[in-house]
Every structure is written in C-alpha cells, then in structure tokens.
Amino acid sequence: MEYQRDKDGYFIFGGAYPMKDGQTRFTTLKEKMSAFQFQFGKAVKSEKCTVLFPSRWQDFVCGKDNAFLIGEAAGFISASSLEGISYALDSAEILRSVLLKQPEKLNTAYWRATRKLRLKLFGKIVKSRCLTAPALRKWIMRSGVAHIPQLKDYPTRFTSPTSRM
C-alpha cells in the first residue's frame, strides 16, 4: 500500500511493505514514479515502524475477567487502510453503552455488542487480501471497478427529501 500527501510544505511519500524487503520495494517505487515526472530530492526525514493489524477473526480480542480492550488493543484497525482512530472511538462508545446497561456478564455483552464492528473489519481483511494478491489486483484494476456502492448510497422513496413533499 502506497500513499502520498502534502503536509506543512513537505511532500510525504511512503508505503507499507513486508519487513524482509521493504526498503527495496520503496526504492523501486520511487524509481517507477520518475516515469510520471516525480522528482525526489534528498530525504529530509525517514521513519519506519512495524504495523500490526488483524489478519483473521481470532485477532479480535475484547478482553476478559472484567478487563476490556478497545481500539487497536482489541484488534480494531483496518487491514486495508491501517487506520484505527475511528474504530477506537466506536469501540469506546460501544463499551460505554454496555457498561451503562450493567449486564450480568460484561465481557460477553461487550463481545456481542462489537459484532457489527468486527464483521466490518473482517471485511477489510478480505479486501486487503484481494488488493494485495497480484493477479487479483491486476484484474480489479483492469476491470475499471472503482467503487462498489452500498445500498445506503441510493436514496429510497422513504428517505428521499422529495418523498416528504
């Protein structure tokens, strides 16, 4: 996964690569970008870190014995974008609502309450695997598919502003 953006007058360019050949892949990507008139000067700063993200259903862990995990600690991070702040806030809100209800089995209630969030993130695991499989990625890119709309993207006669007239 590659990314680029402008921040505070600097062009930030990077990617997420396997640990064993990350630097080689990054250098290769920079060389490929020169074909698109990207000219990289001397690097001002370089940062590297290991990114952990869920890769299977069992990687979502909500806690036990009245100890609770939220956000990245629970595995609530997108495997396709490596973003996690919104899922941290969502899981904190879910935990808050569970604690306010004071069910008998708090951990079980929290696990059940995070089901929708876990399913959403599991879908991102599948998406990540599809986008990182070279043959499948090539097929997807050639197909021209940019976005698969969800049902909520289409107004219905019950939610359309004009249906209230």
N, C-alpha and C. Protein backbone atom coordinates (compact mmCIF):
# COMPACT_ATOMS: atom_id res chain seq x y z
N MET A 1 0.85 -1.15 0.00
CA MET A 1 0.00 0.00 0.00
C MET A 1 0.91 1.23 0.00
N GLU A 2 0.68 2.13 -0.94
CA GLU A 2 1.48 3.33 -1.04
C GLU A 2 0.60 4.54 -0.71
N TYR A 3 1.24 5.64 -0.34
CA TYR A 3 0.50 6.87 -0.08
C TYR A 3 1.40 8.05 -0.34
N GLN A 4 0.77 9.20 -0.57
CA GLN A 4 1.49 10.45 -0.69
C GLN A 4 0.56 11.57 -0.27
N ARG A 5 1.13 12.61 0.31
CA ARG A 5 0.34 13.78 0.69
C ARG A 5 1.27 14.94 0.98
N ASP A 6 0.70 16.12 1.02
CA ASP A 6 1.44 17.33 1.31
C ASP A 6 1.13 17.73 2.75
N LYS A 7 2.17 18.01 3.53
CA LYS A 7 1.94 18.41 4.92
C LYS A 7 2.99 19.43 5.32
N ASP A 8 2.53 20.58 5.75
CA ASP A 8 3.42 21.65 6.21
C ASP A 8 4.50 21.99 5.18
N GLY A 9 4.13 22.00 3.91
CA GLY A 9 5.08 22.35 2.87
C GLY A 9 6.00 21.23 2.43
N TYR A 10 5.83 20.05 2.99
CA TYR A 10 6.66 18.90 2.62
C TYR A 10 5.80 17.87 1.90
N PHE A 11 6.40 17.20 0.94
CA PHE A 11 5.72 16.11 0.25
C PHE A 11 6.09 14.83 0.98
N ILE A 12 5.08 14.14 1.49
CA ILE A 12 5.30 12.90 2.23
C ILE A 12 4.96 11.74 1.32
N PHE A 13 5.86 10.82 1.21
CA PHE A 13 5.71 9.69 0.30
C PHE A 13 6.11 8.44 1.04
N GLY A 14 5.28 7.42 1.00
CA GLY A 14 5.64 6.21 1.72
C GLY A 14 4.78 5.03 1.34
N GLY A 15 4.88 4.00 2.13
CA GLY A 15 4.12 2.80 1.86
C GLY A 15 4.25 1.81 3.00
N ALA A 16 3.45 0.77 2.92
CA ALA A 16 3.50 -0.33 3.89
C ALA A 16 3.97 -1.56 3.13
N TYR A 17 5.09 -2.10 3.55
CA TYR A 17 5.72 -3.21 2.84
C TYR A 17 6.09 -4.32 3.82
N PRO A 18 6.27 -5.54 3.31
CA PRO A 18 6.75 -6.62 4.17
C PRO A 18 8.13 -6.26 4.74
N MET A 19 8.41 -6.71 5.95
CA MET A 19 9.66 -6.34 6.61
C MET A 19 10.89 -6.81 5.86
N LYS A 20 10.82 -7.98 5.23
CA LYS A 20 12.03 -8.56 4.65
C LYS A 20 12.58 -7.78 3.45
N ASP A 21 11.73 -7.10 2.68
CA ASP A 21 12.24 -6.38 1.52
C ASP A 21 11.60 -5.00 1.36
N GLY A 22 11.23 -4.39 2.46
CA GLY A 22 10.56 -3.10 2.45
C GLY A 22 11.36 -1.99 1.80
N GLN A 23 12.62 -1.85 2.16
CA GLN A 23 13.44 -0.77 1.61
C GLN A 23 13.63 -0.94 0.10
N THR A 24 13.83 -2.16 -0.35
CA THR A 24 13.99 -2.43 -1.78
C THR A 24 12.72 -2.06 -2.53
N ARG A 25 11.57 -2.43 -2.00
CA ARG A 25 10.30 -2.11 -2.65
C ARG A 25 10.06 -0.60 -2.68
N PHE A 26 10.42 0.09 -1.60
CA PHE A 26 10.25 1.54 -1.56
C PHE A 26 11.12 2.21 -2.61
N THR A 27 12.37 1.79 -2.72
CA THR A 27 13.28 2.34 -3.72
C THR A 27 12.77 2.08 -5.13
N THR A 28 12.28 0.88 -5.37
CA THR A 28 11.72 0.53 -6.68
C THR A 28 10.52 1.41 -7.01
N LEU A 29 9.67 1.66 -6.03
CA LEU A 29 8.50 2.52 -6.25
C LEU A 29 8.93 3.94 -6.60
N LYS A 30 9.92 4.47 -5.90
CA LYS A 30 10.42 5.81 -6.21
C LYS A 30 10.94 5.87 -7.65
N GLU A 31 11.64 4.84 -8.08
CA GLU A 31 12.15 4.81 -9.45
C GLU A 31 11.01 4.77 -10.46
N LYS A 32 9.98 4.00 -10.18
CA LYS A 32 8.82 3.93 -11.08
C LYS A 32 8.10 5.28 -11.16
N MET A 33 8.07 6.01 -10.06
CA MET A 33 7.38 7.29 -10.04
C MET A 33 8.06 8.33 -10.92
N SER A 34 9.34 8.16 -11.21
CA SER A 34 10.04 9.12 -12.08
C SER A 34 9.44 9.11 -13.49
N ALA A 35 8.84 8.00 -13.90
CA ALA A 35 8.17 7.94 -15.21
C ALA A 35 6.96 8.88 -15.25
N PHE A 36 6.47 9.29 -14.09
CA PHE A 36 5.33 10.21 -14.00
C PHE A 36 5.79 11.62 -13.60
N GLN A 37 7.04 11.93 -13.87
CA GLN A 37 7.64 13.24 -13.60
C GLN A 37 7.75 13.59 -12.12
N PHE A 38 7.76 12.60 -11.26
CA PHE A 38 8.05 12.86 -9.85
C PHE A 38 9.56 12.98 -9.72
N GLN A 39 10.01 14.05 -9.09
CA GLN A 39 11.43 14.25 -8.85
C GLN A 39 11.65 14.34 -7.35
N PHE A 40 12.32 13.37 -6.82
CA PHE A 40 12.57 13.34 -5.39
C PHE A 40 13.94 13.93 -5.09
N GLY A 41 13.96 14.89 -4.19
CA GLY A 41 15.23 15.44 -3.73
C GLY A 41 15.75 14.60 -2.58
N LYS A 42 16.69 15.18 -1.86
CA LYS A 42 17.25 14.47 -0.71
C LYS A 42 16.18 14.36 0.38
N ALA A 43 16.07 13.20 0.97
CA ALA A 43 15.08 12.98 2.02
C ALA A 43 15.39 13.86 3.23
N VAL A 44 14.37 14.53 3.74
CA VAL A 44 14.52 15.36 4.93
C VAL A 44 14.42 14.50 6.18
N LYS A 45 13.59 13.49 6.10
CA LYS A 45 13.32 12.65 7.26
C LYS A 45 12.86 11.28 6.77
N SER A 46 13.19 10.26 7.50
CA SER A 46 12.75 8.91 7.16
C SER A 46 12.27 8.22 8.43
N GLU A 47 11.12 7.60 8.35
CA GLU A 47 10.58 6.89 9.50
C GLU A 47 10.15 5.49 9.08
N LYS A 48 10.31 4.55 9.99
CA LYS A 48 9.87 3.18 9.75
C LYS A 48 9.26 2.65 11.04
N CYS A 49 8.28 1.80 10.88
CA CYS A 49 7.70 1.15 12.05
C CYS A 49 7.02 -0.14 11.62
N THR A 50 6.85 -1.01 12.57
CA THR A 50 6.12 -2.25 12.32
C THR A 50 4.65 -1.97 12.55
N VAL A 51 3.83 -2.36 11.59
CA VAL A 51 2.39 -2.16 11.70
C VAL A 51 1.73 -3.51 11.93
N LEU A 52 1.03 -3.60 13.04
CA LEU A 52 0.29 -4.82 13.34
C LEU A 52 -1.18 -4.57 13.04
N PHE A 53 -1.80 -5.50 12.38
CA PHE A 53 -3.22 -5.38 12.08
C PHE A 53 -3.82 -6.78 12.03
N PRO A 54 -5.13 -6.87 12.20
CA PRO A 54 -5.75 -8.20 12.23
C PRO A 54 -5.65 -8.90 10.88
N SER A 55 -5.45 -10.21 10.93
CA SER A 55 -5.40 -10.98 9.68
C SER A 55 -6.38 -12.15 9.71
N ARG A 56 -7.07 -12.33 10.83
CA ARG A 56 -8.07 -13.41 10.95
C ARG A 56 -9.06 -13.04 12.05
N TRP A 57 -10.17 -13.72 12.08
CA TRP A 57 -11.23 -13.43 13.04
C TRP A 57 -10.73 -13.50 14.48
N GLN A 58 -9.86 -14.45 14.78
CA GLN A 58 -9.37 -14.65 16.15
C GLN A 58 -8.49 -13.48 16.63
N ASP A 59 -8.08 -12.60 15.73
CA ASP A 59 -7.25 -11.46 16.13
C ASP A 59 -8.05 -10.37 16.84
N PHE A 60 -9.37 -10.46 16.82
CA PHE A 60 -10.19 -9.51 17.55
C PHE A 60 -10.37 -10.04 18.97
N VAL A 61 -9.85 -9.31 19.94
CA VAL A 61 -9.89 -9.73 21.34
C VAL A 61 -10.44 -8.56 22.15
N CYS A 62 -11.56 -8.79 22.80
CA CYS A 62 -12.22 -7.70 23.52
C CYS A 62 -11.90 -7.66 25.01
N GLY A 63 -11.16 -8.64 25.52
CA GLY A 63 -10.80 -8.67 26.93
C GLY A 63 -11.47 -9.83 27.65
N LYS A 64 -11.17 -9.93 28.95
CA LYS A 64 -11.79 -10.96 29.79
C LYS A 64 -11.64 -10.57 31.25
N ASP A 65 -12.36 -11.26 32.11
CA ASP A 65 -12.32 -11.03 33.56
C ASP A 65 -12.51 -9.56 33.93
N ASN A 66 -13.51 -8.94 33.33
CA ASN A 66 -13.84 -7.52 33.57
C ASN A 66 -12.72 -6.56 33.20
N ALA A 67 -11.84 -6.98 32.32
CA ALA A 67 -10.86 -6.08 31.70
C ALA A 67 -11.29 -5.98 30.23
N PHE A 68 -11.29 -4.78 29.69
CA PHE A 68 -11.83 -4.56 28.35
C PHE A 68 -10.79 -3.90 27.46
N LEU A 69 -10.78 -4.30 26.21
CA LEU A 69 -9.87 -3.73 25.23
C LEU A 69 -10.68 -2.97 24.19
N ILE A 70 -10.17 -1.81 23.78
CA ILE A 70 -10.81 -1.02 22.74
C ILE A 70 -9.76 -0.68 21.68
N GLY A 71 -10.21 -0.20 20.56
CA GLY A 71 -9.31 0.28 19.52
C GLY A 71 -8.30 -0.75 19.06
N GLU A 72 -7.08 -0.29 18.83
CA GLU A 72 -6.03 -1.16 18.32
C GLU A 72 -5.70 -2.30 19.28
N ALA A 73 -5.85 -2.06 20.58
CA ALA A 73 -5.57 -3.12 21.56
C ALA A 73 -6.50 -4.31 21.37
N ALA A 74 -7.71 -4.05 20.87
CA ALA A 74 -8.68 -5.12 20.61
C ALA A 74 -8.55 -5.68 19.20
N GLY A 75 -7.66 -5.10 18.41
CA GLY A 75 -7.52 -5.52 17.01
C GLY A 75 -8.41 -4.73 16.08
N PHE A 76 -9.02 -3.65 16.58
CA PHE A 76 -9.94 -2.86 15.77
C PHE A 76 -9.16 -1.83 14.94
N ILE A 77 -8.52 -2.32 13.90
CA ILE A 77 -7.77 -1.48 12.96
C ILE A 77 -8.03 -2.03 11.57
N SER A 78 -8.18 -1.14 10.62
CA SER A 78 -8.48 -1.56 9.25
C SER A 78 -7.27 -2.23 8.62
N ALA A 79 -7.46 -3.45 8.14
CA ALA A 79 -6.37 -4.17 7.47
C ALA A 79 -6.11 -3.62 6.08
N SER A 80 -7.06 -2.86 5.52
CA SER A 80 -6.85 -2.33 4.17
C SER A 80 -6.26 -0.93 4.17
N SER A 81 -6.55 -0.12 5.19
CA SER A 81 -6.01 1.25 5.22
C SER A 81 -5.05 1.49 6.38
N LEU A 82 -5.00 0.57 7.32
CA LEU A 82 -4.18 0.66 8.53
C LEU A 82 -4.59 1.83 9.43
N GLU A 83 -5.82 2.27 9.29
CA GLU A 83 -6.35 3.34 10.14
C GLU A 83 -7.09 2.72 11.31
N GLY A 84 -7.08 3.41 12.44
CA GLY A 84 -7.73 2.83 13.60
C GLY A 84 -8.42 3.79 14.54
N ILE A 85 -8.23 5.10 14.38
CA ILE A 85 -8.78 6.04 15.36
C ILE A 85 -10.30 5.99 15.41
N SER A 86 -10.96 5.91 14.26
CA SER A 86 -12.43 5.88 14.29
C SER A 86 -12.94 4.61 14.96
N TYR A 87 -12.23 3.50 14.77
CA TYR A 87 -12.64 2.25 15.40
C TYR A 87 -12.36 2.28 16.90
N ALA A 88 -11.35 3.01 17.31
CA ALA A 88 -11.08 3.18 18.74
C ALA A 88 -12.23 3.95 19.39
N LEU A 89 -12.66 5.02 18.72
CA LEU A 89 -13.77 5.80 19.26
C LEU A 89 -15.07 5.01 19.23
N ASP A 90 -15.30 4.28 18.15
CA ASP A 90 -16.52 3.45 18.05
C ASP A 90 -16.55 2.40 19.15
N SER A 91 -15.43 1.71 19.35
CA SER A 91 -15.42 0.64 20.37
C SER A 91 -15.53 1.22 21.77
N ALA A 92 -14.98 2.41 22.00
CA ALA A 92 -15.13 3.06 23.31
C ALA A 92 -16.60 3.40 23.56
N GLU A 93 -17.28 3.87 22.53
CA GLU A 93 -18.71 4.19 22.67
C GLU A 93 -19.53 2.92 22.91
N ILE A 94 -19.18 1.85 22.22
CA ILE A 94 -19.88 0.57 22.42
C ILE A 94 -19.67 0.09 23.85
N LEU A 95 -18.43 0.15 24.33
CA LEU A 95 -18.14 -0.28 25.71
C LEU A 95 -18.90 0.58 26.71
N ARG A 96 -18.94 1.88 26.48
CA ARG A 96 -19.68 2.78 27.36
C ARG A 96 -21.14 2.36 27.47
N SER A 97 -21.75 2.09 26.31
CA SER A 97 -23.17 1.72 26.33
C SER A 97 -23.39 0.38 27.05
N VAL A 98 -22.46 -0.54 26.88
CA VAL A 98 -22.57 -1.84 27.58
C VAL A 98 -22.45 -1.63 29.08
N LEU A 99 -21.47 -0.84 29.51
CA LEU A 99 -21.27 -0.62 30.95
C LEU A 99 -22.45 0.09 31.59
N LEU A 100 -23.07 1.01 30.85
CA LEU A 100 -24.23 1.72 31.40
C LEU A 100 -25.43 0.79 31.59
N LYS A 101 -25.54 -0.23 30.77
CA LYS A 101 -26.65 -1.19 30.89
C LYS A 101 -26.43 -2.17 32.04
N GLN A 102 -25.21 -2.30 32.50
CA GLN A 102 -24.83 -3.18 33.61
C GLN A 102 -25.35 -4.62 33.46
N PRO A 103 -25.03 -5.27 32.35
CA PRO A 103 -25.46 -6.67 32.21
C PRO A 103 -24.69 -7.56 33.18
N GLU A 104 -25.22 -8.76 33.39
CA GLU A 104 -24.59 -9.68 34.33
C GLU A 104 -23.19 -10.09 33.86
N LYS A 105 -23.06 -10.41 32.58
CA LYS A 105 -21.77 -10.83 32.03
C LYS A 105 -21.25 -9.71 31.11
N LEU A 106 -20.46 -8.82 31.69
CA LEU A 106 -20.00 -7.64 30.96
C LEU A 106 -19.16 -7.99 29.72
N ASN A 107 -18.21 -8.89 29.88
CA ASN A 107 -17.34 -9.22 28.74
C ASN A 107 -18.12 -9.85 27.60
N THR A 108 -19.05 -10.73 27.93
CA THR A 108 -19.87 -11.37 26.90
C THR A 108 -20.73 -10.32 26.20
N ALA A 109 -21.30 -9.41 26.96
CA ALA A 109 -22.14 -8.36 26.38
C ALA A 109 -21.32 -7.46 25.46
N TYR A 110 -20.11 -7.12 25.88
CA TYR A 110 -19.24 -6.28 25.04
C TYR A 110 -18.85 -7.03 23.77
N TRP A 111 -18.52 -8.30 23.88
CA TRP A 111 -18.17 -9.11 22.70
C TRP A 111 -19.34 -9.12 21.71
N ARG A 112 -20.54 -9.33 22.22
CA ARG A 112 -21.72 -9.34 21.34
C ARG A 112 -21.97 -7.97 20.73
N ALA A 113 -21.79 -6.93 21.52
CA ALA A 113 -22.06 -5.57 21.04
C ALA A 113 -21.07 -5.13 19.96
N THR A 114 -19.89 -5.71 19.95
CA THR A 114 -18.90 -5.33 18.94
C THR A 114 -18.99 -6.20 17.68
N ARG A 115 -19.97 -7.07 17.61
CA ARG A 115 -20.08 -7.99 16.47
C ARG A 115 -20.12 -7.26 15.13
N LYS A 116 -20.95 -6.23 15.02
CA LYS A 116 -21.07 -5.48 13.76
C LYS A 116 -19.72 -4.84 13.39
N LEU A 117 -19.04 -4.28 14.37
CA LEU A 117 -17.73 -3.67 14.14
C LEU A 117 -16.71 -4.72 13.69
N ARG A 118 -16.72 -5.88 14.36
CA ARG A 118 -15.79 -6.95 13.98
C ARG A 118 -16.07 -7.47 12.58
N LEU A 119 -17.35 -7.59 12.22
CA LEU A 119 -17.70 -8.04 10.86
C LEU A 119 -17.22 -7.03 9.81
N LYS A 120 -17.39 -5.76 10.11
CA LYS A 120 -16.94 -4.71 9.19
C LYS A 120 -15.42 -4.80 8.99
N LEU A 121 -14.70 -4.95 10.08
CA LEU A 121 -13.24 -5.03 9.99
C LEU A 121 -12.78 -6.35 9.37
N PHE A 122 -13.52 -7.41 9.58
CA PHE A 122 -13.19 -8.67 8.93
C PHE A 122 -13.33 -8.53 7.41
N GLY A 123 -14.33 -7.78 6.99
CA GLY A 123 -14.49 -7.48 5.56
C GLY A 123 -13.28 -6.76 5.00
N LYS A 124 -12.67 -5.91 5.82
CA LYS A 124 -11.47 -5.20 5.38
C LYS A 124 -10.26 -6.13 5.30
N ILE A 125 -10.25 -7.19 6.11
CA ILE A 125 -9.20 -8.20 6.00
C ILE A 125 -9.31 -8.87 4.63
N VAL A 126 -10.54 -9.24 4.26
CA VAL A 126 -10.77 -9.88 2.96
C VAL A 126 -10.38 -8.91 1.84
N LYS A 127 -10.78 -7.65 1.96
CA LYS A 127 -10.44 -6.63 0.96
C LYS A 127 -8.93 -6.49 0.83
N SER A 128 -8.24 -6.45 1.95
CA SER A 128 -6.79 -6.32 1.94
C SER A 128 -6.13 -7.48 1.22
N ARG A 129 -6.62 -8.68 1.48
CA ARG A 129 -6.05 -9.86 0.81
C ARG A 129 -6.30 -9.81 -0.69
N CYS A 130 -7.47 -9.33 -1.09
CA CYS A 130 -7.77 -9.21 -2.52
C CYS A 130 -6.87 -8.18 -3.19
N LEU A 131 -6.68 -7.04 -2.51
CA LEU A 131 -5.90 -5.96 -3.11
C LEU A 131 -4.40 -6.23 -3.10
N THR A 132 -3.96 -7.15 -2.27
CA THR A 132 -2.52 -7.45 -2.23
C THR A 132 -2.16 -8.72 -2.98
N ALA A 133 -3.15 -9.41 -3.52
CA ALA A 133 -2.88 -10.58 -4.37
C ALA A 133 -2.62 -10.06 -5.78
N PRO A 134 -1.39 -10.17 -6.29
CA PRO A 134 -1.03 -9.54 -7.56
C PRO A 134 -1.99 -9.85 -8.72
N ALA A 135 -2.34 -11.09 -8.92
CA ALA A 135 -3.20 -11.44 -10.06
C ALA A 135 -4.59 -10.83 -9.90
N LEU A 136 -5.15 -10.93 -8.71
CA LEU A 136 -6.48 -10.39 -8.46
C LEU A 136 -6.48 -8.87 -8.54
N ARG A 137 -5.45 -8.25 -7.99
CA ARG A 137 -5.34 -6.79 -8.04
C ARG A 137 -5.27 -6.32 -9.49
N LYS A 138 -4.48 -6.99 -10.31
CA LYS A 138 -4.35 -6.62 -11.72
C LYS A 138 -5.71 -6.73 -12.42
N TRP A 139 -6.44 -7.81 -12.14
CA TRP A 139 -7.76 -8.00 -12.74
C TRP A 139 -8.72 -6.88 -12.30
N ILE A 140 -8.70 -6.54 -11.00
CA ILE A 140 -9.57 -5.48 -10.49
C ILE A 140 -9.24 -4.15 -11.15
N MET A 141 -7.96 -3.82 -11.26
CA MET A 141 -7.55 -2.55 -11.86
C MET A 141 -7.96 -2.49 -13.34
N ARG A 142 -7.84 -3.58 -14.05
CA ARG A 142 -8.22 -3.61 -15.47
C ARG A 142 -9.73 -3.53 -15.66
N SER A 143 -10.48 -4.00 -14.67
CA SER A 143 -11.94 -4.04 -14.80
C SER A 143 -12.55 -2.64 -14.76
N GLY A 144 -11.82 -1.68 -14.19
CA GLY A 144 -12.36 -0.33 -14.08
C GLY A 144 -13.26 -0.12 -12.89
N VAL A 145 -13.40 -1.14 -12.05
CA VAL A 145 -14.23 -1.00 -10.86
C VAL A 145 -13.51 -0.09 -9.88
N ALA A 146 -14.14 1.01 -9.53
CA ALA A 146 -13.53 1.93 -8.59
C ALA A 146 -14.23 1.89 -7.24
N HIS A 147 -15.52 1.60 -7.26
CA HIS A 147 -16.29 1.65 -6.03
C HIS A 147 -17.51 0.76 -6.20
N ILE A 148 -17.76 -0.05 -5.23
CA ILE A 148 -18.96 -0.87 -5.25
C ILE A 148 -19.94 -0.21 -4.29
N PRO A 149 -20.98 0.43 -4.83
CA PRO A 149 -21.91 1.17 -3.96
C PRO A 149 -22.66 0.25 -3.02
N GLN A 150 -22.89 0.77 -1.83
CA GLN A 150 -23.69 0.04 -0.86
C GLN A 150 -25.13 0.51 -0.98
N LEU A 151 -26.04 -0.25 -0.47
CA LEU A 151 -27.45 0.09 -0.55
C LEU A 151 -27.71 1.48 0.02
N LYS A 152 -27.00 1.85 1.08
CA LYS A 152 -27.22 3.16 1.71
C LYS A 152 -26.84 4.31 0.78
N ASP A 153 -26.06 4.05 -0.27
CA ASP A 153 -25.66 5.09 -1.21
C ASP A 153 -26.81 5.51 -2.12
N TYR A 154 -27.88 4.73 -2.14
CA TYR A 154 -29.01 5.04 -3.01
C TYR A 154 -30.20 5.47 -2.16
N PRO A 155 -30.77 6.63 -2.48
CA PRO A 155 -31.94 7.06 -1.71
C PRO A 155 -33.13 6.16 -2.01
N THR A 156 -33.94 5.97 -1.02
CA THR A 156 -35.17 5.20 -1.21
C THR A 156 -36.34 6.17 -1.17
N ARG A 157 -37.49 5.70 -1.52
CA ARG A 157 -38.65 6.60 -1.51
C ARG A 157 -39.01 7.01 -0.08
N PHE A 158 -38.49 6.28 0.91
CA PHE A 158 -38.80 6.61 2.30
C PHE A 158 -37.79 7.59 2.90
N THR A 159 -36.59 7.68 2.33
CA THR A 159 -35.57 8.56 2.90
C THR A 159 -35.27 9.75 2.02
N SER A 160 -35.78 9.76 0.81
CA SER A 160 -35.52 10.86 -0.11
C SER A 160 -36.23 12.12 0.37
N PRO A 161 -35.54 13.28 0.35
CA PRO A 161 -36.18 14.52 0.79
C PRO A 161 -37.44 14.83 -0.01
N THR A 162 -37.48 14.45 -1.29
CA THR A 162 -38.65 14.75 -2.11
C THR A 162 -39.84 13.88 -1.75
N SER A 163 -39.62 12.76 -1.08
CA SER A 163 -40.75 11.89 -0.73
C SER A 163 -41.59 12.48 0.40
N ARG A 164 -41.05 13.49 1.06
CA ARG A 164 -41.78 14.11 2.18
C ARG A 164 -42.70 15.23 1.72
N MET A 165 -42.65 15.56 0.44
CA MET A 165 -43.47 16.66 -0.08
C MET A 165 -44.89 16.26 -0.30
